[in-house]
Amino acid sequence: MIAPLIALLFFADVVPDGGYAHVGPTPPPHGYPAITSVSISTTQIHAGRPVHGDVQTSANVHYVEARIDYRAIALRETGPGKFTLDYTVPWWLPPWLRHGYQVQIIARSIDGVETARDIAVTVK
């Protein structure tokens, strides 16, 4: 009983690419979430410039976020399974933050089950 709780507390942020974060012996009632496509305007991101992204998911997903390290930005839901992001990168980024990152796209179903996909980007 306590082992699944510990796994949820310590490993909830570690979702393998295309895997699921789900604790329990049975499948969730509304099915597993799926990320069907991810598009981003550019992977060479410049400080002070806008970035646009679109994510399409299965219909049971009602929350998507883009996460870099410990920062997360929620995407706006535009329709069933469709999410969009319009973000302007701060112009004041210091030089030590301008390097390569893995952006983790996390989709959460209405049952709380998560799946993720990684995208490599470079901040200049």
PDB file of N, CA and C in Angstrom:
ATOM      1  N   MET A   1       0.823  -1.199   0.000  1.00  0.00           N
ATOM      2  CA  MET A   1       0.000   0.000   0.000  1.00  0.00           C
ATOM      3  C   MET A   1       0.857   1.249   0.000  1.00  0.00           C
ATOM      4  N   ILE A   2       1.923   1.242   0.785  1.00  0.00           N
ATOM      5  CA  ILE A   2       2.750   2.440   0.887  1.00  0.00           C
ATOM      6  C   ILE A   2       3.692   2.587  -0.306  1.00  0.00           C
ATOM      7  N   ALA A   3       4.109   1.484  -0.937  1.00  0.00           N
ATOM      8  CA  ALA A   3       5.040   1.564  -2.068  1.00  0.00           C
ATOM      9  C   ALA A   3       4.467   2.366  -3.240  1.00  0.00           C
ATOM     10  N   PRO A   4       3.193   2.140  -3.664  1.00  0.00           N
ATOM     11  CA  PRO A   4       2.669   2.973  -4.752  1.00  0.00           C
ATOM     12  C   PRO A   4       2.605   4.449  -4.372  1.00  0.00           C
ATOM     13  N   LEU A   5       2.344   4.744  -3.110  1.00  0.00           N
ATOM     14  CA  LEU A   5       2.283   6.126  -2.657  1.00  0.00           C
ATOM     15  C   LEU A   5       3.658   6.779  -2.729  1.00  0.00           C
ATOM     16  N   ILE A   6       4.677   6.037  -2.323  1.00  0.00           N
ATOM     17  CA  ILE A   6       6.045   6.551  -2.408  1.00  0.00           C
ATOM     18  C   ILE A   6       6.434   6.752  -3.864  1.00  0.00           C
ATOM     19  N   ALA A   7       6.079   5.817  -4.727  1.00  0.00           N
ATOM     20  CA  ALA A   7       6.383   5.964  -6.153  1.00  0.00           C
ATOM     21  C   ALA A   7       5.700   7.189  -6.724  1.00  0.00           C
ATOM     22  N   LEU A   8       4.484   7.459  -6.328  1.00  0.00           N
ATOM     23  CA  LEU A   8       3.764   8.618  -6.813  1.00  0.00           C
ATOM     24  C   LEU A   8       4.422   9.905  -6.343  1.00  0.00           C
ATOM     25  N   LEU A   9       4.861   9.946  -5.088  1.00  0.00           N
ATOM     26  CA  LEU A   9       5.472  11.157  -4.545  1.00  0.00           C
ATOM     27  C   LEU A   9       6.831  11.453  -5.157  1.00  0.00           C
ATOM     28  N   PHE A  10       7.647  10.420  -5.357  1.00  0.00           N
ATOM     29  CA  PHE A  10       9.013  10.651  -5.781  1.00  0.00           C
ATOM     30  C   PHE A  10       9.239  10.518  -7.274  1.00  0.00           C
ATOM     31  N   PHE A  11       8.385   9.807  -7.975  1.00  0.00           N
ATOM     32  CA  PHE A  11       8.636   9.557  -9.379  1.00  0.00           C
ATOM     33  C   PHE A  11       7.551  10.100 -10.300  1.00  0.00           C
ATOM     34  N   ALA A  12       6.651  10.927  -9.799  1.00  0.00           N
ATOM     35  CA  ALA A  12       5.563  11.445 -10.622  1.00  0.00           C
ATOM     36  C   ALA A  12       6.079  12.323 -11.750  1.00  0.00           C
ATOM     37  N   ASP A  13       7.203  13.011 -11.554  1.00  0.00           N
ATOM     38  CA  ASP A  13       7.746  13.877 -12.593  1.00  0.00           C
ATOM     39  C   ASP A  13       8.586  13.119 -13.614  1.00  0.00           C
ATOM     40  N   VAL A  14       8.919  11.880 -13.325  1.00  0.00           N
ATOM     41  CA  VAL A  14       9.740  11.100 -14.226  1.00  0.00           C
ATOM     42  C   VAL A  14       8.834  10.189 -15.041  1.00  0.00           C
ATOM     43  N   VAL A  15       8.458  10.674 -16.225  1.00  0.00           N
ATOM     44  CA  VAL A  15       7.595   9.907 -17.112  1.00  0.00           C
ATOM     45  C   VAL A  15       8.411   9.593 -18.352  1.00  0.00           C
ATOM     46  N   PRO A  16       8.624   8.317 -18.675  1.00  0.00           N
ATOM     47  CA  PRO A  16       9.391   8.015 -19.876  1.00  0.00           C
ATOM     48  C   PRO A  16       8.665   8.525 -21.116  1.00  0.00           C
ATOM     49  N   ASP A  17       9.447   8.863 -22.148  1.00  0.00           N
ATOM     50  CA  ASP A  17       8.876   9.385 -23.382  1.00  0.00           C
ATOM     51  C   ASP A  17       7.859   8.398 -23.936  1.00  0.00           C
ATOM     52  N   GLY A  18       6.590   8.801 -23.968  1.00  0.00           N
ATOM     53  CA  GLY A  18       5.522   7.938 -24.436  1.00  0.00           C
ATOM     54  C   GLY A  18       4.991   6.995 -23.376  1.00  0.00           C
ATOM     55  N   GLY A  19       5.563   7.010 -22.165  1.00  0.00           N
ATOM     56  CA  GLY A  19       5.103   6.155 -21.080  1.00  0.00           C
ATOM     57  C   GLY A  19       3.996   6.832 -20.296  1.00  0.00           C
ATOM     58  N   TYR A  20       3.593   6.204 -19.199  1.00  0.00           N
ATOM     59  CA  TYR A  20       2.501   6.737 -18.390  1.00  0.00           C
ATOM     60  C   TYR A  20       2.905   6.822 -16.931  1.00  0.00           C
ATOM     61  N   ALA A  21       2.414   7.846 -16.247  1.00  0.00           N
ATOM     62  CA  ALA A  21       2.550   7.936 -14.802  1.00  0.00           C
ATOM     63  C   ALA A  21       1.190   7.563 -14.238  1.00  0.00           C
ATOM     64  N   HIS A  22       1.056   6.322 -13.807  1.00  0.00           N
ATOM     65  CA  HIS A  22      -0.231   5.819 -13.319  1.00  0.00           C
ATOM     66  C   HIS A  22       0.042   4.832 -12.204  1.00  0.00           C
ATOM     67  N   VAL A  23      -0.601   5.033 -11.076  1.00  0.00           N
ATOM     68  CA  VAL A  23      -0.455   4.127  -9.946  1.00  0.00           C
ATOM     69  C   VAL A  23      -1.780   3.414  -9.768  1.00  0.00           C
ATOM     70  N   GLY A  24      -1.767   2.125  -9.850  1.00  0.00           N
ATOM     71  CA  GLY A  24      -2.986   1.346  -9.656  1.00  0.00           C
ATOM     72  C   GLY A  24      -2.963   0.102 -10.498  1.00  0.00           C
ATOM     73  N   PRO A  25      -3.703  -0.918 -10.078  1.00  0.00           N
ATOM     74  CA  PRO A  25      -3.669  -2.192 -10.786  1.00  0.00           C
ATOM     75  C   PRO A  25      -4.555  -2.234 -12.038  1.00  0.00           C
ATOM     76  N   THR A  26      -5.471  -1.305 -12.179  1.00  0.00           N
ATOM     77  CA  THR A  26      -6.393  -1.345 -13.318  1.00  0.00           C
ATOM     78  C   THR A  26      -6.198  -0.122 -14.200  1.00  0.00           C
ATOM     79  N   PRO A  27      -6.583  -0.227 -15.462  1.00  0.00           N
ATOM     80  CA  PRO A  27      -6.499   0.946 -16.340  1.00  0.00           C
ATOM     81  C   PRO A  27      -7.441   2.050 -15.853  1.00  0.00           C
ATOM     82  N   PRO A  28      -7.129   3.306 -16.160  1.00  0.00           N
ATOM     83  CA  PRO A  28      -8.015   4.394 -15.747  1.00  0.00           C
ATOM     84  C   PRO A  28      -9.366   4.292 -16.459  1.00  0.00           C
ATOM     85  N   PRO A  29     -10.452   4.775 -15.840  1.00  0.00           N
ATOM     86  CA  PRO A  29     -11.792   4.642 -16.401  1.00  0.00           C
ATOM     87  C   PRO A  29     -11.965   5.270 -17.789  1.00  0.00           C
ATOM     88  N   HIS A  30     -11.259   6.365 -18.059  1.00  0.00           N
ATOM     89  CA  HIS A  30     -11.434   7.053 -19.345  1.00  0.00           C
ATOM     90  C   HIS A  30     -10.319   6.736 -20.336  1.00  0.00           C
ATOM     91  N   GLY A  31      -9.527   5.725 -20.047  1.00  0.00           N
ATOM     92  CA  GLY A  31      -8.450   5.317 -20.947  1.00  0.00           C
ATOM     93  C   GLY A  31      -7.168   6.096 -20.714  1.00  0.00           C
ATOM     94  N   TYR A  32      -6.105   5.626 -21.363  1.00  0.00           N
ATOM     95  CA  TYR A  32      -4.813   6.277 -21.237  1.00  0.00           C
ATOM     96  C   TYR A  32      -4.737   7.493 -22.163  1.00  0.00           C
ATOM     97  N   PRO A  33      -4.049   8.551 -21.729  1.00  0.00           N
ATOM     98  CA  PRO A  33      -3.885   9.715 -22.597  1.00  0.00           C
ATOM     99  C   PRO A  33      -2.851   9.430 -23.683  1.00  0.00           C
ATOM    100  N   ALA A  34      -2.953  10.182 -24.766  1.00  0.00           N
ATOM    101  CA  ALA A  34      -1.987  10.036 -25.857  1.00  0.00           C
ATOM    102  C   ALA A  34      -1.674  11.406 -26.442  1.00  0.00           C
ATOM    103  N   ILE A  35      -0.413  11.646 -26.723  1.00  0.00           N
ATOM    104  CA  ILE A  35       0.013  12.839 -27.453  1.00  0.00           C
ATOM    105  C   ILE A  35       0.199  12.384 -28.896  1.00  0.00           C
ATOM    106  N   THR A  36      -0.638  12.892 -29.797  1.00  0.00           N
ATOM    107  CA  THR A  36      -0.570  12.441 -31.184  1.00  0.00           C
ATOM    108  C   THR A  36       0.377  13.279 -32.030  1.00  0.00           C
ATOM    109  N   SER A  37       0.503  14.574 -31.730  1.00  0.00           N
ATOM    110  CA  SER A  37       1.471  15.390 -32.468  1.00  0.00           C
ATOM    111  C   SER A  37       1.877  16.606 -31.655  1.00  0.00           C
ATOM    112  N   VAL A  38       3.107  17.034 -31.893  1.00  0.00           N
ATOM    113  CA  VAL A  38       3.657  18.227 -31.253  1.00  0.00           C
ATOM    114  C   VAL A  38       4.373  19.018 -32.331  1.00  0.00           C
ATOM    115  N   SER A  39       4.073  20.312 -32.414  1.00  0.00           N
ATOM    116  CA  SER A  39       4.808  21.170 -33.342  1.00  0.00           C
ATOM    117  C   SER A  39       5.209  22.444 -32.612  1.00  0.00           C
ATOM    118  N   ILE A  40       6.385  22.945 -32.961  1.00  0.00           N
ATOM    119  CA  ILE A  40       6.909  24.167 -32.354  1.00  0.00           C
ATOM    120  C   ILE A  40       7.440  25.031 -33.495  1.00  0.00           C
ATOM    121  N   SER A  41       7.286  26.341 -33.360  1.00  0.00           N
ATOM    122  CA  SER A  41       7.670  27.243 -34.442  1.00  0.00           C
ATOM    123  C   SER A  41       9.161  27.184 -34.747  1.00  0.00           C
ATOM    124  N   THR A  42       9.991  26.984 -33.741  1.00  0.00           N
ATOM    125  CA  THR A  42      11.429  26.860 -33.945  1.00  0.00           C
ATOM    126  C   THR A  42      12.057  26.157 -32.748  1.00  0.00           C
ATOM    127  N   THR A  43      13.125  25.422 -33.007  1.00  0.00           N
ATOM    128  CA  THR A  43      13.871  24.811 -31.907  1.00  0.00           C
ATOM    129  C   THR A  43      15.101  25.644 -31.563  1.00  0.00           C
ATOM    130  N   GLN A  44      15.379  26.688 -32.346  1.00  0.00           N
ATOM    131  CA  GLN A  44      16.452  27.646 -32.070  1.00  0.00           C
ATOM    132  C   GLN A  44      15.797  28.900 -31.498  1.00  0.00           C
ATOM    133  N   ILE A  45      15.620  28.931 -30.199  1.00  0.00           N
ATOM    134  CA  ILE A  45      14.845  29.975 -29.528  1.00  0.00           C
ATOM    135  C   ILE A  45      15.771  31.133 -29.154  1.00  0.00           C
ATOM    136  N   HIS A  46      15.362  32.347 -29.507  1.00  0.00           N
ATOM    137  CA  HIS A  46      16.147  33.540 -29.218  1.00  0.00           C
ATOM    138  C   HIS A  46      15.464  34.360 -28.128  1.00  0.00           C
ATOM    139  N   ALA A  47      16.272  34.897 -27.220  1.00  0.00           N
ATOM    140  CA  ALA A  47      15.750  35.748 -26.147  1.00  0.00           C
ATOM    141  C   ALA A  47      15.014  36.938 -26.754  1.00  0.00           C
ATOM    142  N   GLY A  48      13.841  37.247 -26.191  1.00  0.00           N
ATOM    143  CA  GLY A  48      13.039  38.374 -26.647  1.00  0.00           C
ATOM    144  C   GLY A  48      12.130  38.064 -27.819  1.00  0.00           C
ATOM    145  N   ARG A  49      12.172  36.855 -28.355  1.00  0.00           N
ATOM    146  CA  ARG A  49      11.363  36.493 -29.513  1.00  0.00           C
ATOM    147  C   ARG A  49      10.211  35.568 -29.117  1.00  0.00           C
ATOM    148  N   PRO A  50       9.100  35.632 -29.875  1.00  0.00           N
ATOM    149  CA  PRO A  50       7.966  34.750 -29.571  1.00  0.00           C
ATOM    150  C   PRO A  50       8.202  33.320 -30.051  1.00  0.00           C
ATOM    151  N   VAL A  51       7.548  32.394 -29.359  1.00  0.00           N
ATOM    152  CA  VAL A  51       7.557  30.978 -29.719  1.00  0.00           C
ATOM    153  C   VAL A  51       6.114  30.517 -29.738  1.00  0.00           C
ATOM    154  N   HIS A  52       5.749  29.757 -30.757  1.00  0.00           N
ATOM    155  CA  HIS A  52       4.386  29.230 -30.873  1.00  0.00           C
ATOM    156  C   HIS A  52       4.463  27.707 -30.961  1.00  0.00           C
ATOM    157  N   GLY A  53       3.535  27.050 -30.270  1.00  0.00           N
ATOM    158  CA  GLY A  53       3.494  25.596 -30.317  1.00  0.00           C
ATOM    159  C   GLY A  53       2.075  25.074 -30.321  1.00  0.00           C
ATOM    160  N   ASP A  54       1.882  23.922 -30.937  1.00  0.00           N
ATOM    161  CA  ASP A  54       0.592  23.235 -30.977  1.00  0.00           C
ATOM    162  C   ASP A  54       0.792  21.786 -30.557  1.00  0.00           C
ATOM    163  N   VAL A  55      -0.151  21.290 -29.768  1.00  0.00           N
ATOM    164  CA  VAL A  55      -0.129  19.902 -29.324  1.00  0.00           C
ATOM    165  C   VAL A  55      -1.504  19.310 -29.564  1.00  0.00           C
ATOM    166  N   GLN A  56      -1.539  18.125 -30.167  1.00  0.00           N
ATOM    167  CA  GLN A  56      -2.794  17.400 -30.337  1.00  0.00           C
ATOM    168  C   GLN A  56      -2.716  16.124 -29.508  1.00  0.00           C
ATOM    169  N   THR A  57      -3.812  15.848 -28.810  1.00  0.00           N
ATOM    170  CA  THR A  57      -3.859  14.722 -27.888  1.00  0.00           C
ATOM    171  C   THR A  57      -5.140  13.924 -28.107  1.00  0.00           C
ATOM    172  N   SER A  58      -5.270  12.874 -27.330  1.00  0.00           N
ATOM    173  CA  SER A  58      -6.528  12.136 -27.324  1.00  0.00           C
ATOM    174  C   SER A  58      -7.601  12.995 -26.645  1.00  0.00           C
ATOM    175  N   ALA A  59      -8.846  12.672 -26.851  1.00  0.00           N
ATOM    176  CA  ALA A  59      -9.962  13.492 -26.357  1.00  0.00           C
ATOM    177  C   ALA A  59     -10.073  13.495 -24.829  1.00  0.00           C
ATOM    178  N   ASN A  60      -9.490  12.524 -24.151  1.00  0.00           N
ATOM    179  CA  ASN A  60      -9.608  12.469 -22.688  1.00  0.00           C
ATOM    180  C   ASN A  60      -8.583  13.351 -21.969  1.00  0.00           C
ATOM    181  N   VAL A  61      -7.757  14.086 -22.706  1.00  0.00           N
ATOM    182  CA  VAL A  61      -6.765  14.981 -22.114  1.00  0.00           C
ATOM    183  C   VAL A  61      -7.368  16.363 -21.945  1.00  0.00           C
ATOM    184  N   HIS A  62      -7.233  16.917 -20.724  1.00  0.00           N
ATOM    185  CA  HIS A  62      -7.769  18.253 -20.470  1.00  0.00           C
ATOM    186  C   HIS A  62      -6.736  19.211 -19.891  1.00  0.00           C
ATOM    187  N   TYR A  63      -5.467  18.787 -19.877  1.00  0.00           N
ATOM    188  CA  TYR A  63      -4.413  19.681 -19.407  1.00  0.00           C
ATOM    189  C   TYR A  63      -3.101  19.280 -20.063  1.00  0.00           C
ATOM    190  N   VAL A  64      -2.419  20.264 -20.632  1.00  0.00           N
ATOM    191  CA  VAL A  64      -1.098  20.045 -21.223  1.00  0.00           C
ATOM    192  C   VAL A  64      -0.186  21.164 -20.746  1.00  0.00           C
ATOM    193  N   GLU A  65       1.041  20.808 -20.416  1.00  0.00           N
ATOM    194  CA  GLU A  65       2.022  21.822 -20.026  1.00  0.00           C
ATOM    195  C   GLU A  65       3.342  21.548 -20.717  1.00  0.00           C
ATOM    196  N   ALA A  66       4.123  22.622 -20.891  1.00  0.00           N
ATOM    197  CA  ALA A  66       5.494  22.530 -21.393  1.00  0.00           C
ATOM    198  C   ALA A  66       6.394  22.811 -20.210  1.00  0.00           C
ATOM    199  N   ARG A  67       7.333  21.901 -19.944  1.00  0.00           N
ATOM    200  CA  ARG A  67       8.183  22.025 -18.759  1.00  0.00           C
ATOM    201  C   ARG A  67       9.655  22.014 -19.183  1.00  0.00           C
ATOM    202  N   ILE A  68      10.387  23.012 -18.671  1.00  0.00           N
ATOM    203  CA  ILE A  68      11.845  23.054 -18.815  1.00  0.00           C
ATOM    204  C   ILE A  68      12.404  23.136 -17.404  1.00  0.00           C
ATOM    205  N   ASP A  69      13.195  22.136 -17.052  1.00  0.00           N
ATOM    206  CA  ASP A  69      13.739  22.040 -15.696  1.00  0.00           C
ATOM    207  C   ASP A  69      12.601  22.138 -14.687  1.00  0.00           C
ATOM    208  N   TYR A  70      12.569  23.155 -13.872  1.00  0.00           N
ATOM    209  CA  TYR A  70      11.531  23.274 -12.848  1.00  0.00           C
ATOM    210  C   TYR A  70      10.446  24.285 -13.219  1.00  0.00           C
ATOM    211  N   ARG A  71      10.488  24.861 -14.399  1.00  0.00           N
ATOM    212  CA  ARG A  71       9.473  25.824 -14.831  1.00  0.00           C
ATOM    213  C   ARG A  71       8.475  25.143 -15.758  1.00  0.00           C
ATOM    214  N   ALA A  72       7.200  25.487 -15.577  1.00  0.00           N
ATOM    215  CA  ALA A  72       6.149  24.901 -16.406  1.00  0.00           C
ATOM    216  C   ALA A  72       5.203  25.996 -16.882  1.00  0.00           C
ATOM    217  N   ILE A  73       4.734  25.848 -18.122  1.00  0.00           N
ATOM    218  CA  ILE A  73       3.767  26.771 -18.703  1.00  0.00           C
ATOM    219  C   ILE A  73       2.598  25.932 -19.203  1.00  0.00           C
ATOM    220  N   ALA A  74       1.405  26.262 -18.754  1.00  0.00           N
ATOM    221  CA  ALA A  74       0.207  25.555 -19.211  1.00  0.00           C
ATOM    222  C   ALA A  74      -0.157  26.017 -20.616  1.00  0.00           C
ATOM    223  N   LEU A  75      -0.534  25.075 -21.465  1.00  0.00           N
ATOM    224  CA  LEU A  75      -1.001  25.403 -22.799  1.00  0.00           C
ATOM    225  C   LEU A  75      -2.490  25.676 -22.745  1.00  0.00           C
ATOM    226  N   ARG A  76      -2.964  26.494 -23.663  1.00  0.00           N
ATOM    227  CA  ARG A  76      -4.382  26.865 -23.715  1.00  0.00           C
ATOM    228  C   ARG A  76      -5.132  25.834 -24.560  1.00  0.00           C
ATOM    229  N   GLU A  77      -6.242  25.332 -24.003  1.00  0.00           N
ATOM    230  CA  GLU A  77      -7.070  24.367 -24.739  1.00  0.00           C
ATOM    231  C   GLU A  77      -7.948  25.113 -25.731  1.00  0.00           C
ATOM    232  N   THR A  78      -7.835  24.773 -27.016  1.00  0.00           N
ATOM    233  CA  THR A  78      -8.619  25.437 -28.059  1.00  0.00           C
ATOM    234  C   THR A  78      -9.756  24.571 -28.582  1.00  0.00           C
ATOM    235  N   GLY A  79      -9.773  23.324 -28.182  1.00  0.00           N
ATOM    236  CA  GLY A  79     -10.822  22.390 -28.594  1.00  0.00           C
ATOM    237  C   GLY A  79     -10.517  21.038 -27.981  1.00  0.00           C
ATOM    238  N   PRO A  80     -11.391  20.058 -28.194  1.00  0.00           N
ATOM    239  CA  PRO A  80     -11.122  18.730 -27.633  1.00  0.00           C
ATOM    240  C   PRO A  80      -9.816  18.150 -28.180  1.00  0.00           C
ATOM    241  N   GLY A  81      -8.856  17.955 -27.299  1.00  0.00           N
ATOM    242  CA  GLY A  81      -7.580  17.381 -27.703  1.00  0.00           C
ATOM    243  C   GLY A  81      -6.657  18.330 -28.451  1.00  0.00           C
ATOM    244  N   LYS A  82      -6.945  19.631 -28.442  1.00  0.00           N
ATOM    245  CA  LYS A  82      -6.105  20.605 -29.154  1.00  0.00           C
ATOM    246  C   LYS A  82      -5.661  21.694 -28.182  1.00  0.00           C
ATOM    247  N   PHE A  83      -4.354  21.904 -28.138  1.00  0.00           N
ATOM    248  CA  PHE A  83      -3.768  22.868 -27.211  1.00  0.00           C
ATOM    249  C   PHE A  83      -2.763  23.726 -27.955  1.00  0.00           C
ATOM    250  N   THR A  84      -2.630  24.980 -27.513  1.00  0.00           N
ATOM    251  CA  THR A  84      -1.706  25.903 -28.157  1.00  0.00           C
ATOM    252  C   THR A  84      -0.936  26.707 -27.124  1.00  0.00           C
ATOM    253  N   LEU A  85       0.249  27.148 -27.520  1.00  0.00           N
ATOM    254  CA  LEU A  85       1.109  27.952 -26.659  1.00  0.00           C
ATOM    255  C   LEU A  85       1.642  29.126 -27.461  1.00  0.00           C
ATOM    256  N   ASP A  86       1.471  30.317 -26.941  1.00  0.00           N
ATOM    257  CA  ASP A  86       2.086  31.530 -27.476  1.00  0.00           C
ATOM    258  C   ASP A  86       2.864  32.146 -26.324  1.00  0.00           C
ATOM    259  N   TYR A  87       4.185  32.200 -26.467  1.00  0.00           N
ATOM    260  CA  TYR A  87       5.040  32.647 -25.376  1.00  0.00           C
ATOM    261  C   TYR A  87       6.169  33.488 -25.946  1.00  0.00           C
ATOM    262  N   THR A  88       6.468  34.577 -25.275  1.00  0.00           N
ATOM    263  CA  THR A  88       7.613  35.391 -25.646  1.00  0.00           C
ATOM    264  C   THR A  88       8.710  35.173 -24.615  1.00  0.00           C
ATOM    265  N   VAL A  89       9.861  34.748 -25.094  1.00  0.00           N
ATOM    266  CA  VAL A  89      11.001  34.473 -24.221  1.00  0.00           C
ATOM    267  C   VAL A  89      11.512  35.803 -23.665  1.00  0.00           C
ATOM    268  N   PRO A  90      11.788  35.885 -22.366  1.00  0.00           N
ATOM    269  CA  PRO A  90      12.302  37.140 -21.800  1.00  0.00           C
ATOM    270  C   PRO A  90      13.599  37.575 -22.487  1.00  0.00           C
ATOM    271  N   TRP A  91      13.747  38.845 -22.737  1.00  0.00           N
ATOM    272  CA  TRP A  91      14.935  39.379 -23.413  1.00  0.00           C
ATOM    273  C   TRP A  91      16.143  39.425 -22.484  1.00  0.00           C
ATOM    274  N   TRP A  92      15.918  39.403 -21.185  1.00  0.00           N
ATOM    275  CA  TRP A  92      16.976  39.594 -20.214  1.00  0.00           C
ATOM    276  C   TRP A  92      17.640  38.299 -19.751  1.00  0.00           C
ATOM    277  N   LEU A  93      17.525  37.227 -20.511  1.00  0.00           N
ATOM    278  CA  LEU A  93      18.136  35.960 -20.089  1.00  0.00           C
ATOM    279  C   LEU A  93      19.650  36.106 -19.968  1.00  0.00           C
ATOM    280  N   PRO A  94      20.216  35.733 -18.826  1.00  0.00           N
ATOM    281  CA  PRO A  94      21.670  35.814 -18.670  1.00  0.00           C
ATOM    282  C   PRO A  94      22.365  34.749 -19.530  1.00  0.00           C
ATOM    283  N   PRO A  95      23.629  34.950 -19.835  1.00  0.00           N
ATOM    284  CA  PRO A  95      24.362  34.025 -20.710  1.00  0.00           C
ATOM    285  C   PRO A  95      24.380  32.579 -20.226  1.00  0.00           C
ATOM    286  N   TRP A  96      24.394  32.345 -18.918  1.00  0.00           N
ATOM    287  CA  TRP A  96      24.478  30.967 -18.416  1.00  0.00           C
ATOM    288  C   TRP A  96      23.164  30.193 -18.593  1.00  0.00           C
ATOM    289  N   LEU A  97      22.082  30.878 -18.976  1.00  0.00           N
ATOM    290  CA  LEU A  97      20.820  30.183 -19.267  1.00  0.00           C
ATOM    291  C   LEU A  97      20.632  29.951 -20.769  1.00  0.00           C
ATOM    292  N   ARG A  98      21.567  30.392 -21.562  1.00  0.00           N
ATOM    293  CA  ARG A  98      21.459  30.250 -23.020  1.00  0.00           C
ATOM    294  C   ARG A  98      22.250  29.017 -23.466  1.00  0.00           C
ATOM    295  N   HIS A  99      21.548  27.897 -23.519  1.00  0.00           N
ATOM    296  CA  HIS A  99      22.141  26.618 -23.927  1.00  0.00           C
ATOM    297  C   HIS A  99      21.020  25.662 -24.312  1.00  0.00           C
ATOM    298  N   GLY A 100      21.340  24.409 -24.527  1.00  0.00           N
ATOM    299  CA  GLY A 100      20.354  23.413 -24.912  1.00  0.00           C
ATOM    300  C   GLY A 100      19.517  22.928 -23.740  1.00  0.00           C
ATOM    301  N   TYR A 101      18.252  22.630 -24.022  1.00  0.00           N
ATOM    302  CA  TYR A 101      17.318  22.122 -23.016  1.00  0.00           C
ATOM    303  C   TYR A 101      16.482  20.999 -23.621  1.00  0.00           C
ATOM    304  N   GLN A 102      15.907  20.195 -22.762  1.00  0.00           N
ATOM    305  CA  GLN A 102      14.865  19.242 -23.152  1.00  0.00           C
ATOM    306  C   GLN A 102      13.540  19.809 -22.658  1.00  0.00           C
ATOM    307  N   VAL A 103      12.666  20.163 -23.571  1.00  0.00           N
ATOM    308  CA  VAL A 103      11.327  20.610 -23.200  1.00  0.00           C
ATOM    309  C   VAL A 103      10.468  19.365 -23.091  1.00  0.00           C
ATOM    310  N   GLN A 104       9.840  19.195 -21.946  1.00  0.00           N
ATOM    311  CA  GLN A 104       8.975  18.045 -21.740  1.00  0.00           C
ATOM    312  C   GLN A 104       7.536  18.500 -21.904  1.00  0.00           C
ATOM    313  N   ILE A 105       6.831  17.919 -22.872  1.00  0.00           N
ATOM    314  CA  ILE A 105       5.408  18.183 -23.078  1.00  0.00           C
ATOM    315  C   ILE A 105       4.656  17.122 -22.292  1.00  0.00           C
ATOM    316  N   ILE A 106       3.856  17.554 -21.317  1.00  0.00           N
ATOM    317  CA  ILE A 106       3.149  16.630 -20.433  1.00  0.00           C
ATOM    318  C   ILE A 106       1.649  16.793 -20.651  1.00  0.00           C
ATOM    319  N   ALA A 107       0.979  15.703 -20.950  1.00  0.00           N
ATOM    320  CA  ALA A 107      -0.475  15.692 -21.132  1.00  0.00           C
ATOM    321  C   ALA A 107      -1.090  14.893 -19.996  1.00  0.00           C
ATOM    322  N   ARG A 108      -2.095  15.470 -19.336  1.00  0.00           N
ATOM    323  CA  ARG A 108      -2.746  14.822 -18.202  1.00  0.00           C
ATOM    324  C   ARG A 108      -4.214  14.569 -18.547  1.00  0.00           C
ATOM    325  N   SER A 109      -4.651  13.323 -18.372  1.00  0.00           N
ATOM    326  CA  SER A 109      -6.041  12.969 -18.652  1.00  0.00           C
ATOM    327  C   SER A 109      -6.942  13.401 -17.509  1.00  0.00           C
ATOM    328  N   ILE A 110      -8.245  13.282 -17.719  1.00  0.00           N
ATOM    329  CA  ILE A 110      -9.206  13.656 -16.676  1.00  0.00           C
ATOM    330  C   ILE A 110      -9.124  12.728 -15.473  1.00  0.00           C
ATOM    331  N   ASP A 111      -8.454  11.570 -15.630  1.00  0.00           N
ATOM    332  CA  ASP A 111      -8.254  10.642 -14.512  1.00  0.00           C
ATOM    333  C   ASP A 111      -6.941  10.907 -13.776  1.00  0.00           C
ATOM    334  N   GLY A 112      -6.160  11.887 -14.238  1.00  0.00           N
ATOM    335  CA  GLY A 112      -4.897  12.210 -13.594  1.00  0.00           C
ATOM    336  C   GLY A 112      -3.704  11.427 -14.098  1.00  0.00           C
ATOM    337  N   VAL A 113      -3.873  10.653 -15.162  1.00  0.00           N
ATOM    338  CA  VAL A 113      -2.783   9.883 -15.741  1.00  0.00           C
ATOM    339  C   VAL A 113      -2.006  10.791 -16.692  1.00  0.00           C
ATOM    340  N   GLU A 114      -0.666  10.743 -16.615  1.00  0.00           N
ATOM    341  CA  GLU A 114       0.175  11.597 -17.438  1.00  0.00           C
ATOM    342  C   GLU A 114       0.970  10.796 -18.451  1.00  0.00           C
ATOM    343  N   THR A 115       1.217  11.423 -19.597  1.00  0.00           N
ATOM    344  CA  THR A 115       2.170  10.932 -20.577  1.00  0.00           C
ATOM    345  C   THR A 115       2.991  12.123 -21.022  1.00  0.00           C
ATOM    346  N   ALA A 116       4.166  11.859 -21.563  1.00  0.00           N
ATOM    347  CA  ALA A 116       5.064  12.968 -21.906  1.00  0.00           C
ATOM    348  C   ALA A 116       5.812  12.684 -23.184  1.00  0.00           C
ATOM    349  N   ARG A 117       6.273  13.759 -23.793  1.00  0.00           N
ATOM    350  CA  ARG A 117       7.124  13.696 -24.974  1.00  0.00           C
ATOM    351  C   ARG A 117       8.175  14.786 -24.843  1.00  0.00           C
ATOM    352  N   ASP A 118       9.417  14.481 -25.208  1.00  0.00           N
ATOM    353  CA  ASP A 118      10.514  15.439 -25.102  1.00  0.00           C
ATOM    354  C   ASP A 118      10.852  16.052 -26.448  1.00  0.00           C
ATOM    355  N   ILE A 119      11.239  17.345 -26.401  1.00  0.00           N
ATOM    356  CA  ILE A 119      11.691  18.061 -27.584  1.00  0.00           C
ATOM    357  C   ILE A 119      12.993  18.774 -27.198  1.00  0.00           C
ATOM    358  N   ALA A 120      14.019  18.622 -28.025  1.00  0.00           N
ATOM    359  CA  ALA A 120      15.289  19.302 -27.775  1.00  0.00           C
ATOM    360  C   ALA A 120      15.223  20.702 -28.384  1.00  0.00           C
ATOM    361  N   VAL A 121      15.577  21.720 -27.584  1.00  0.00           N
ATOM    362  CA  VAL A 121      15.626  23.106 -28.063  1.00  0.00           C
ATOM    363  C   VAL A 121      16.943  23.741 -27.599  1.00  0.00           C
ATOM    364  N   THR A 122      17.313  24.808 -28.277  1.00  0.00           N
ATOM    365  CA  THR A 122      18.491  25.580 -27.890  1.00  0.00           C
ATOM    366  C   THR A 122      18.057  27.024 -27.698  1.00  0.00           C
ATOM    367  N   VAL A 123      18.380  27.583 -26.544  1.00  0.00           N
ATOM    368  CA  VAL A 123      18.077  28.984 -26.251  1.00  0.00           C
ATOM    369  C   VAL A 123      19.340  29.775 -26.524  1.00  0.00           C
ATOM    370  N   LYS A 124      19.209  30.800 -27.380  1.00  0.00           N
ATOM    371  CA  LYS A 124      20.357  31.636 -27.759  1.00  0.00           C
ATOM    372  C   LYS A 124      20.181  33.053 -27.268  1.00  0.00           C
TER     373      LYS A 124
END
